[in-house]
């Protein structure tokens, strides 16, 4: 019952304006079932193949969040069920999501990933490039994609002030977009930032969605499915 206890503890600390995505990557179906039975419905995976396998055997009212870096050739495998794609960082990827969503007569919801960390290993778009994309005709032409906001990952560092500054910068840009851009397929309503190690700082800096794994499921990796 540790998973249920951890979930309850985290949820108790959140306002109703913050959505908790339980990061279930590498965890077995039994762990997700425990969290599901405790009332949780939003789960995050970083590999499409693993998420698809879990989707097949778990209740269909689960909201599956794709939080890993996307391989465009695999989008087709989740297009019929994915709830929200967090890490979109190119127009090419958006076009492929739109193409696959159209095949299933769906509108797939996405977040654009902005690069705020200093490490080269972190994906994401520069703010200027992101705004240029949103103002392009190519973006407006996407009829089966709905961008709900932004996602960002802070630097992997012990320096909490640096983490806070990166989150604050992303929130300021998010607020800027919400005032400057109003399109049929873009609405700045979700700001996804913060993980197990830094979600409290992220919430203080405006996050409306956090991705928490180890603080719910523990650190050990399990055999999946």
C-alpha atoms as a PDB file:
ATOM      1  CA  UNK A   1       0.000   0.000   0.000  1.00  0.00           C
ATOM      2  CA  UNK A   2       3.073   2.257  -0.091  1.00  0.00           C
ATOM      3  CA  UNK A   3       2.197   3.474  -3.608  1.00  0.00           C
ATOM      4  CA  UNK A   4      -1.300   4.516  -2.520  1.00  0.00           C
ATOM      5  CA  UNK A   5       0.138   6.207   0.562  1.00  0.00           C
ATOM      6  CA  UNK A   6       2.693   8.134  -1.496  1.00  0.00           C
ATOM      7  CA  UNK A   7       0.014   9.213  -3.976  1.00  0.00           C
ATOM      8  CA  UNK A   8      -2.274  10.424  -1.221  1.00  0.00           C
ATOM      9  CA  UNK A   9       0.534  12.372   0.433  1.00  0.00           C
ATOM     10  CA  UNK A  10       1.512  14.169  -2.775  1.00  0.00           C
ATOM     11  CA  UNK A  11      -2.074  14.877  -3.837  1.00  0.00           C
ATOM     12  CA  UNK A  12      -2.865  16.321  -0.415  1.00  0.00           C
ATOM     13  CA  UNK A  13      -0.127  18.909  -0.957  1.00  0.00           C
ATOM     14  CA  UNK A  14      -1.405  20.005  -4.392  1.00  0.00           C
ATOM     15  CA  UNK A  15      -4.027  22.585  -5.253  1.00  0.00           C
ATOM     16  CA  UNK A  16      -6.819  21.648  -7.646  1.00  0.00           C
ATOM     17  CA  UNK A  17      -4.990  23.693 -10.300  1.00  0.00           C
ATOM     18  CA  UNK A  18      -2.135  21.176 -10.518  1.00  0.00           C
ATOM     19  CA  UNK A  19      -2.433  17.836 -12.329  1.00  0.00           C
ATOM     20  CA  UNK A  20      -0.258  14.981 -11.102  1.00  0.00           C
ATOM     21  CA  UNK A  21       1.072  12.629 -13.773  1.00  0.00           C
ATOM     22  CA  UNK A  22       2.332   9.431 -12.141  1.00  0.00           C
ATOM     23  CA  UNK A  23       5.417   8.398 -14.129  1.00  0.00           C
ATOM     24  CA  UNK A  24       5.000   4.641 -14.481  1.00  0.00           C
ATOM     25  CA  UNK A  25       7.821   3.953 -16.961  1.00  0.00           C
ATOM     26  CA  UNK A  26       9.644   0.658 -16.215  1.00  0.00           C
ATOM     27  CA  UNK A  27       7.042  -0.198 -13.569  1.00  0.00           C
ATOM     28  CA  UNK A  28       4.891  -3.337 -13.792  1.00  0.00           C
ATOM     29  CA  UNK A  29       1.166  -3.366 -14.485  1.00  0.00           C
ATOM     30  CA  UNK A  30       0.537  -4.353 -10.863  1.00  0.00           C
ATOM     31  CA  UNK A  31       1.992  -1.047  -9.636  1.00  0.00           C
ATOM     32  CA  UNK A  32      -0.222   0.923 -12.007  1.00  0.00           C
ATOM     33  CA  UNK A  33      -3.229  -1.106 -10.884  1.00  0.00           C
ATOM     34  CA  UNK A  34      -2.437  -0.200  -7.268  1.00  0.00           C
ATOM     35  CA  UNK A  35      -2.341   3.498  -8.148  1.00  0.00           C
ATOM     36  CA  UNK A  36      -5.476   3.125 -10.281  1.00  0.00           C
ATOM     37  CA  UNK A  37      -7.353   1.461  -7.421  1.00  0.00           C
ATOM     38  CA  UNK A  38      -6.307   4.393  -5.235  1.00  0.00           C
ATOM     39  CA  UNK A  39      -8.204   6.646  -7.644  1.00  0.00           C
ATOM     40  CA  UNK A  40      -5.419   7.856  -9.915  1.00  0.00           C
ATOM     41  CA  UNK A  41      -5.938   8.105 -13.683  1.00  0.00           C
ATOM     42  CA  UNK A  42      -3.011  10.042 -15.216  1.00  0.00           C
ATOM     43  CA  UNK A  43       0.084   7.973 -16.004  1.00  0.00           C
ATOM     44  CA  UNK A  44       3.250   8.883 -17.900  1.00  0.00           C
ATOM     45  CA  UNK A  45       5.451   6.653 -20.054  1.00  0.00           C
ATOM     46  CA  UNK A  46       8.588   7.468 -22.039  1.00  0.00           C
ATOM     47  CA  UNK A  47       8.548   4.583 -24.533  1.00  0.00           C
ATOM     48  CA  UNK A  48       5.664   4.100 -26.950  1.00  0.00           C
ATOM     49  CA  UNK A  49       6.041   0.306 -27.102  1.00  0.00           C
ATOM     50  CA  UNK A  50       5.840  -0.016 -23.313  1.00  0.00           C
ATOM     51  CA  UNK A  51       2.896   2.368 -23.047  1.00  0.00           C
ATOM     52  CA  UNK A  52       1.004   0.529 -25.789  1.00  0.00           C
ATOM     53  CA  UNK A  53       1.520  -2.833 -24.068  1.00  0.00           C
ATOM     54  CA  UNK A  54       0.172  -1.420 -20.803  1.00  0.00           C
ATOM     55  CA  UNK A  55      -2.760   0.254 -22.557  1.00  0.00           C
ATOM     56  CA  UNK A  56      -3.832  -3.128 -23.941  1.00  0.00           C
ATOM     57  CA  UNK A  57      -4.225  -4.744 -20.505  1.00  0.00           C
ATOM     58  CA  UNK A  58      -5.271  -1.863 -18.252  1.00  0.00           C
ATOM     59  CA  UNK A  59      -8.615   0.002 -17.861  1.00  0.00           C
ATOM     60  CA  UNK A  60      -9.492   2.228 -20.784  1.00  0.00           C
ATOM     61  CA  UNK A  61     -10.334   5.302 -18.706  1.00  0.00           C
ATOM     62  CA  UNK A  62      -6.644   5.830 -17.942  1.00  0.00           C
ATOM     63  CA  UNK A  63      -5.134   9.029 -19.345  1.00  0.00           C
ATOM     64  CA  UNK A  64      -1.843   8.012 -20.971  1.00  0.00           C
ATOM     65  CA  UNK A  65       0.791  10.758 -21.173  1.00  0.00           C
ATOM     66  CA  UNK A  66       3.762  10.326 -23.501  1.00  0.00           C
ATOM     67  CA  UNK A  67       6.584  12.104 -21.687  1.00  0.00           C
ATOM     68  CA  UNK A  68       9.656  10.766 -23.492  1.00  0.00           C
ATOM     69  CA  UNK A  69      11.415  12.049 -26.581  1.00  0.00           C
ATOM     70  CA  UNK A  70       9.356  11.090 -29.611  1.00  0.00           C
ATOM     71  CA  UNK A  71      10.427   8.899 -32.491  1.00  0.00           C
ATOM     72  CA  UNK A  72       8.225  10.001 -35.367  1.00  0.00           C
ATOM     73  CA  UNK A  73       8.024   6.537 -36.922  1.00  0.00           C
ATOM     74  CA  UNK A  74       6.386   5.165 -33.763  1.00  0.00           C
ATOM     75  CA  UNK A  75       3.675   7.788 -33.279  1.00  0.00           C
ATOM     76  CA  UNK A  76       1.235   5.628 -35.277  1.00  0.00           C
ATOM     77  CA  UNK A  77       1.256   2.978 -32.530  1.00  0.00           C
ATOM     78  CA  UNK A  78      -0.236   5.305 -29.903  1.00  0.00           C
ATOM     79  CA  UNK A  79      -2.296   7.644 -32.086  1.00  0.00           C
ATOM     80  CA  UNK A  80      -5.578   5.887 -31.288  1.00  0.00           C
ATOM     81  CA  UNK A  81      -5.363   6.307 -27.518  1.00  0.00           C
ATOM     82  CA  UNK A  82      -2.684   8.716 -26.240  1.00  0.00           C
ATOM     83  CA  UNK A  83      -4.181  11.452 -24.034  1.00  0.00           C
ATOM     84  CA  UNK A  84      -1.377  14.042 -24.070  1.00  0.00           C
ATOM     85  CA  UNK A  85       2.058  14.169 -25.719  1.00  0.00           C
ATOM     86  CA  UNK A  86       4.427  16.256 -23.617  1.00  0.00           C
ATOM     87  CA  UNK A  87       7.694  16.564 -25.509  1.00  0.00           C
ATOM     88  CA  UNK A  88       7.008  17.878 -29.014  1.00  0.00           C
ATOM     89  CA  UNK A  89       9.972  19.886 -30.239  1.00  0.00           C
ATOM     90  CA  UNK A  90       9.609  20.271 -34.009  1.00  0.00           C
ATOM     91  CA  UNK A  91       7.117  21.069 -36.749  1.00  0.00           C
ATOM     92  CA  UNK A  92       7.961  17.736 -38.417  1.00  0.00           C
ATOM     93  CA  UNK A  93       6.812  15.884 -35.316  1.00  0.00           C
ATOM     94  CA  UNK A  94       3.613  17.939 -35.120  1.00  0.00           C
ATOM     95  CA  UNK A  95       2.860  17.146 -38.758  1.00  0.00           C
ATOM     96  CA  UNK A  96       3.294  13.405 -38.137  1.00  0.00           C
ATOM     97  CA  UNK A  97       1.034  13.555 -35.065  1.00  0.00           C
ATOM     98  CA  UNK A  98      -1.551  15.416 -37.144  1.00  0.00           C
ATOM     99  CA  UNK A  99      -1.317  12.803 -39.918  1.00  0.00           C
ATOM    100  CA  UNK A 100      -1.766   9.869 -37.546  1.00  0.00           C
ATOM    101  CA  UNK A 101      -4.540  11.588 -35.570  1.00  0.00           C
ATOM    102  CA  UNK A 102      -6.484  12.191 -38.777  1.00  0.00           C
ATOM    103  CA  UNK A 103      -6.416   8.452 -39.549  1.00  0.00           C
ATOM    104  CA  UNK A 104      -8.291   7.827 -36.288  1.00  0.00           C
ATOM    105  CA  UNK A 105     -10.587  10.854 -36.622  1.00  0.00           C
ATOM    106  CA  UNK A 106      -9.088  12.302 -33.447  1.00  0.00           C
ATOM    107  CA  UNK A 107      -7.567  15.523 -32.249  1.00  0.00           C
ATOM    108  CA  UNK A 108      -4.401  14.712 -30.302  1.00  0.00           C
ATOM    109  CA  UNK A 109      -3.431  17.107 -27.531  1.00  0.00           C
ATOM    110  CA  UNK A 110       0.228  18.095 -27.217  1.00  0.00           C
ATOM    111  CA  UNK A 111       2.641  20.303 -25.323  1.00  0.00           C
ATOM    112  CA  UNK A 112       5.582  22.008 -27.009  1.00  0.00           C
ATOM    113  CA  UNK A 113       8.878  21.391 -25.245  1.00  0.00           C
ATOM    114  CA  UNK A 114      10.935  24.481 -24.552  1.00  0.00           C
ATOM    115  CA  UNK A 115      14.630  24.171 -23.765  1.00  0.00           C
ATOM    116  CA  UNK A 116      15.375  25.804 -20.430  1.00  0.00           C
ATOM    117  CA  UNK A 117      18.155  23.572 -19.040  1.00  0.00           C
ATOM    118  CA  UNK A 118      21.829  24.224 -19.603  1.00  0.00           C
ATOM    119  CA  UNK A 119      22.704  20.597 -20.407  1.00  0.00           C
ATOM    120  CA  UNK A 120      23.044  19.648 -24.051  1.00  0.00           C
ATOM    121  CA  UNK A 121      21.271  16.357 -23.292  1.00  0.00           C
ATOM    122  CA  UNK A 122      17.934  18.059 -22.728  1.00  0.00           C
ATOM    123  CA  UNK A 123      15.664  18.385 -25.760  1.00  0.00           C
ATOM    124  CA  UNK A 124      13.475  21.349 -26.569  1.00  0.00           C
ATOM    125  CA  UNK A 125      13.054  24.419 -28.720  1.00  0.00           C
ATOM    126  CA  UNK A 126      14.480  27.889 -28.154  1.00  0.00           C
ATOM    127  CA  UNK A 127      11.781  30.407 -27.227  1.00  0.00           C
ATOM    128  CA  UNK A 128      12.173  32.381 -30.467  1.00  0.00           C
ATOM    129  CA  UNK A 129      11.875  29.232 -32.595  1.00  0.00           C
ATOM    130  CA  UNK A 130       8.837  28.119 -30.644  1.00  0.00           C
ATOM    131  CA  UNK A 131       7.059  31.425 -31.146  1.00  0.00           C
ATOM    132  CA  UNK A 132       7.943  31.416 -34.853  1.00  0.00           C
ATOM    133  CA  UNK A 133       6.422  27.942 -35.183  1.00  0.00           C
ATOM    134  CA  UNK A 134       3.183  29.019 -33.511  1.00  0.00           C
ATOM    135  CA  UNK A 135       2.914  32.022 -35.818  1.00  0.00           C
ATOM    136  CA  UNK A 136       3.459  29.979 -38.973  1.00  0.00           C
ATOM    137  CA  UNK A 137       0.846  29.014 -41.550  1.00  0.00           C
ATOM    138  CA  UNK A 138       2.123  25.420 -41.342  1.00  0.00           C
ATOM    139  CA  UNK A 139       1.053  25.278 -37.711  1.00  0.00           C
ATOM    140  CA  UNK A 140      -2.323  26.846 -38.351  1.00  0.00           C
ATOM    141  CA  UNK A 141      -2.951  24.241 -41.050  1.00  0.00           C
ATOM    142  CA  UNK A 142      -2.784  21.397 -38.505  1.00  0.00           C
ATOM    143  CA  UNK A 143      -6.406  20.405 -37.919  1.00  0.00           C
ATOM    144  CA  UNK A 144      -5.920  17.244 -35.831  1.00  0.00           C
ATOM    145  CA  UNK A 145      -3.450  18.650 -33.319  1.00  0.00           C
ATOM    146  CA  UNK A 146      -4.298  20.824 -30.325  1.00  0.00           C
ATOM    147  CA  UNK A 147      -1.369  22.378 -28.457  1.00  0.00           C
ATOM    148  CA  UNK A 148      -2.415  22.975 -24.860  1.00  0.00           C
ATOM    149  CA  UNK A 149       0.738  24.706 -23.655  1.00  0.00           C
ATOM    150  CA  UNK A 150       4.388  24.109 -22.843  1.00  0.00           C
ATOM    151  CA  UNK A 151       6.661  21.595 -21.167  1.00  0.00           C
ATOM    152  CA  UNK A 152      10.170  22.119 -19.834  1.00  0.00           C
ATOM    153  CA  UNK A 153      12.828  20.300 -17.823  1.00  0.00           C
ATOM    154  CA  UNK A 154      15.220  22.146 -15.543  1.00  0.00           C
ATOM    155  CA  UNK A 155      18.941  21.456 -15.329  1.00  0.00           C
ATOM    156  CA  UNK A 156      20.030  18.415 -13.326  1.00  0.00           C
ATOM    157  CA  UNK A 157      21.712  20.308 -10.534  1.00  0.00           C
ATOM    158  CA  UNK A 158      21.681  20.728  -6.768  1.00  0.00           C
ATOM    159  CA  UNK A 159      21.474  24.510  -7.258  1.00  0.00           C
ATOM    160  CA  UNK A 160      17.846  25.221  -6.389  1.00  0.00           C
ATOM    161  CA  UNK A 161      18.123  28.865  -7.366  1.00  0.00           C
ATOM    162  CA  UNK A 162      19.198  27.887 -10.870  1.00  0.00           C
ATOM    163  CA  UNK A 163      16.261  25.473 -11.098  1.00  0.00           C
ATOM    164  CA  UNK A 164      13.901  28.183  -9.867  1.00  0.00           C
ATOM    165  CA  UNK A 165      15.270  30.704 -12.372  1.00  0.00           C
ATOM    166  CA  UNK A 166      14.774  28.255 -15.259  1.00  0.00           C
ATOM    167  CA  UNK A 167      11.191  27.508 -14.249  1.00  0.00           C
ATOM    168  CA  UNK A 168      10.472  31.211 -13.751  1.00  0.00           C
ATOM    169  CA  UNK A 169      11.805  31.968 -17.225  1.00  0.00           C
ATOM    170  CA  UNK A 170       9.552  29.341 -18.776  1.00  0.00           C
ATOM    171  CA  UNK A 171       6.516  30.584 -16.873  1.00  0.00           C
ATOM    172  CA  UNK A 172       7.177  34.151 -18.049  1.00  0.00           C
ATOM    173  CA  UNK A 173       7.326  32.935 -21.651  1.00  0.00           C
ATOM    174  CA  UNK A 174       4.159  30.898 -21.128  1.00  0.00           C
ATOM    175  CA  UNK A 175       2.381  34.020 -19.840  1.00  0.00           C
ATOM    176  CA  UNK A 176       3.662  35.961 -22.835  1.00  0.00           C
ATOM    177  CA  UNK A 177       2.247  33.396 -25.259  1.00  0.00           C
ATOM    178  CA  UNK A 178      -1.088  33.323 -23.464  1.00  0.00           C
ATOM    179  CA  UNK A 179      -1.453  37.068 -24.099  1.00  0.00           C
ATOM    180  CA  UNK A 180       0.048  37.291 -27.582  1.00  0.00           C
ATOM    181  CA  UNK A 181      -1.180  34.152 -29.362  1.00  0.00           C
ATOM    182  CA  UNK A 182      -4.782  33.017 -29.649  1.00  0.00           C
ATOM    183  CA  UNK A 183      -5.279  30.350 -32.290  1.00  0.00           C
ATOM    184  CA  UNK A 184      -7.878  27.661 -32.848  1.00  0.00           C
ATOM    185  CA  UNK A 185      -5.238  24.959 -32.264  1.00  0.00           C
ATOM    186  CA  UNK A 186      -3.187  26.666 -29.528  1.00  0.00           C
ATOM    187  CA  UNK A 187      -4.367  27.577 -26.057  1.00  0.00           C
ATOM    188  CA  UNK A 188      -1.856  28.313 -23.295  1.00  0.00           C
ATOM    189  CA  UNK A 189      -3.571  26.454 -20.461  1.00  0.00           C
ATOM    190  CA  UNK A 190      -1.061  23.792 -19.371  1.00  0.00           C
ATOM    191  CA  UNK A 191       2.481  24.360 -18.130  1.00  0.00           C
ATOM    192  CA  UNK A 192       4.143  21.014 -17.453  1.00  0.00           C
ATOM    193  CA  UNK A 193       7.295  21.348 -15.389  1.00  0.00           C
ATOM    194  CA  UNK A 194       8.599  19.649 -12.284  1.00  0.00           C
ATOM    195  CA  UNK A 195       9.559  16.076 -11.390  1.00  0.00           C
ATOM    196  CA  UNK A 196      10.122  14.175  -8.144  1.00  0.00           C
ATOM    197  CA  UNK A 197      13.218  16.207  -7.230  1.00  0.00           C
ATOM    198  CA  UNK A 198      11.956  19.682  -8.077  1.00  0.00           C
ATOM    199  CA  UNK A 199       8.159  19.706  -8.435  1.00  0.00           C
ATOM    200  CA  UNK A 200       7.614  21.859  -5.351  1.00  0.00           C
ATOM    201  CA  UNK A 201       9.792  24.610  -6.827  1.00  0.00           C
ATOM    202  CA  UNK A 202       8.031  24.170 -10.180  1.00  0.00           C
ATOM    203  CA  UNK A 203       4.603  24.653  -8.589  1.00  0.00           C
ATOM    204  CA  UNK A 204       5.804  27.781  -6.803  1.00  0.00           C
ATOM    205  CA  UNK A 205       6.890  29.094 -10.210  1.00  0.00           C
ATOM    206  CA  UNK A 206       3.568  28.436 -11.945  1.00  0.00           C
ATOM    207  CA  UNK A 207       3.509  24.784 -13.020  1.00  0.00           C
ATOM    208  CA  UNK A 208       0.035  23.327 -13.608  1.00  0.00           C
ATOM    209  CA  UNK A 209       1.216  19.769 -14.298  1.00  0.00           C
ATOM    210  CA  UNK A 210       3.959  17.759 -12.584  1.00  0.00           C
ATOM    211  CA  UNK A 211       5.530  14.434 -13.582  1.00  0.00           C
ATOM    212  CA  UNK A 212       6.378  12.350 -10.525  1.00  0.00           C
ATOM    213  CA  UNK A 213       7.744   8.809 -10.607  1.00  0.00           C
ATOM    214  CA  UNK A 214      10.172   7.762  -7.878  1.00  0.00           C
ATOM    215  CA  UNK A 215       8.330   9.684  -5.138  1.00  0.00           C
ATOM    216  CA  UNK A 216       5.291   7.492  -5.901  1.00  0.00           C
ATOM    217  CA  UNK A 217       6.643   4.147  -7.110  1.00  0.00           C
ATOM    218  CA  UNK A 218      10.104   4.080  -5.559  1.00  0.00           C
ATOM    219  CA  UNK A 219      13.509   4.008  -7.208  1.00  0.00           C
ATOM    220  CA  UNK A 220      13.837   0.366  -8.190  1.00  0.00           C
ATOM    221  CA  UNK A 221      13.249  -0.575 -11.825  1.00  0.00           C
ATOM    222  CA  UNK A 222      11.015  -3.547 -12.482  1.00  0.00           C
ATOM    223  CA  UNK A 223      10.434  -5.844 -15.402  1.00  0.00           C
ATOM    224  CA  UNK A 224       7.539  -4.372 -17.363  1.00  0.00           C
ATOM    225  CA  UNK A 225       4.154  -5.845 -18.216  1.00  0.00           C
END
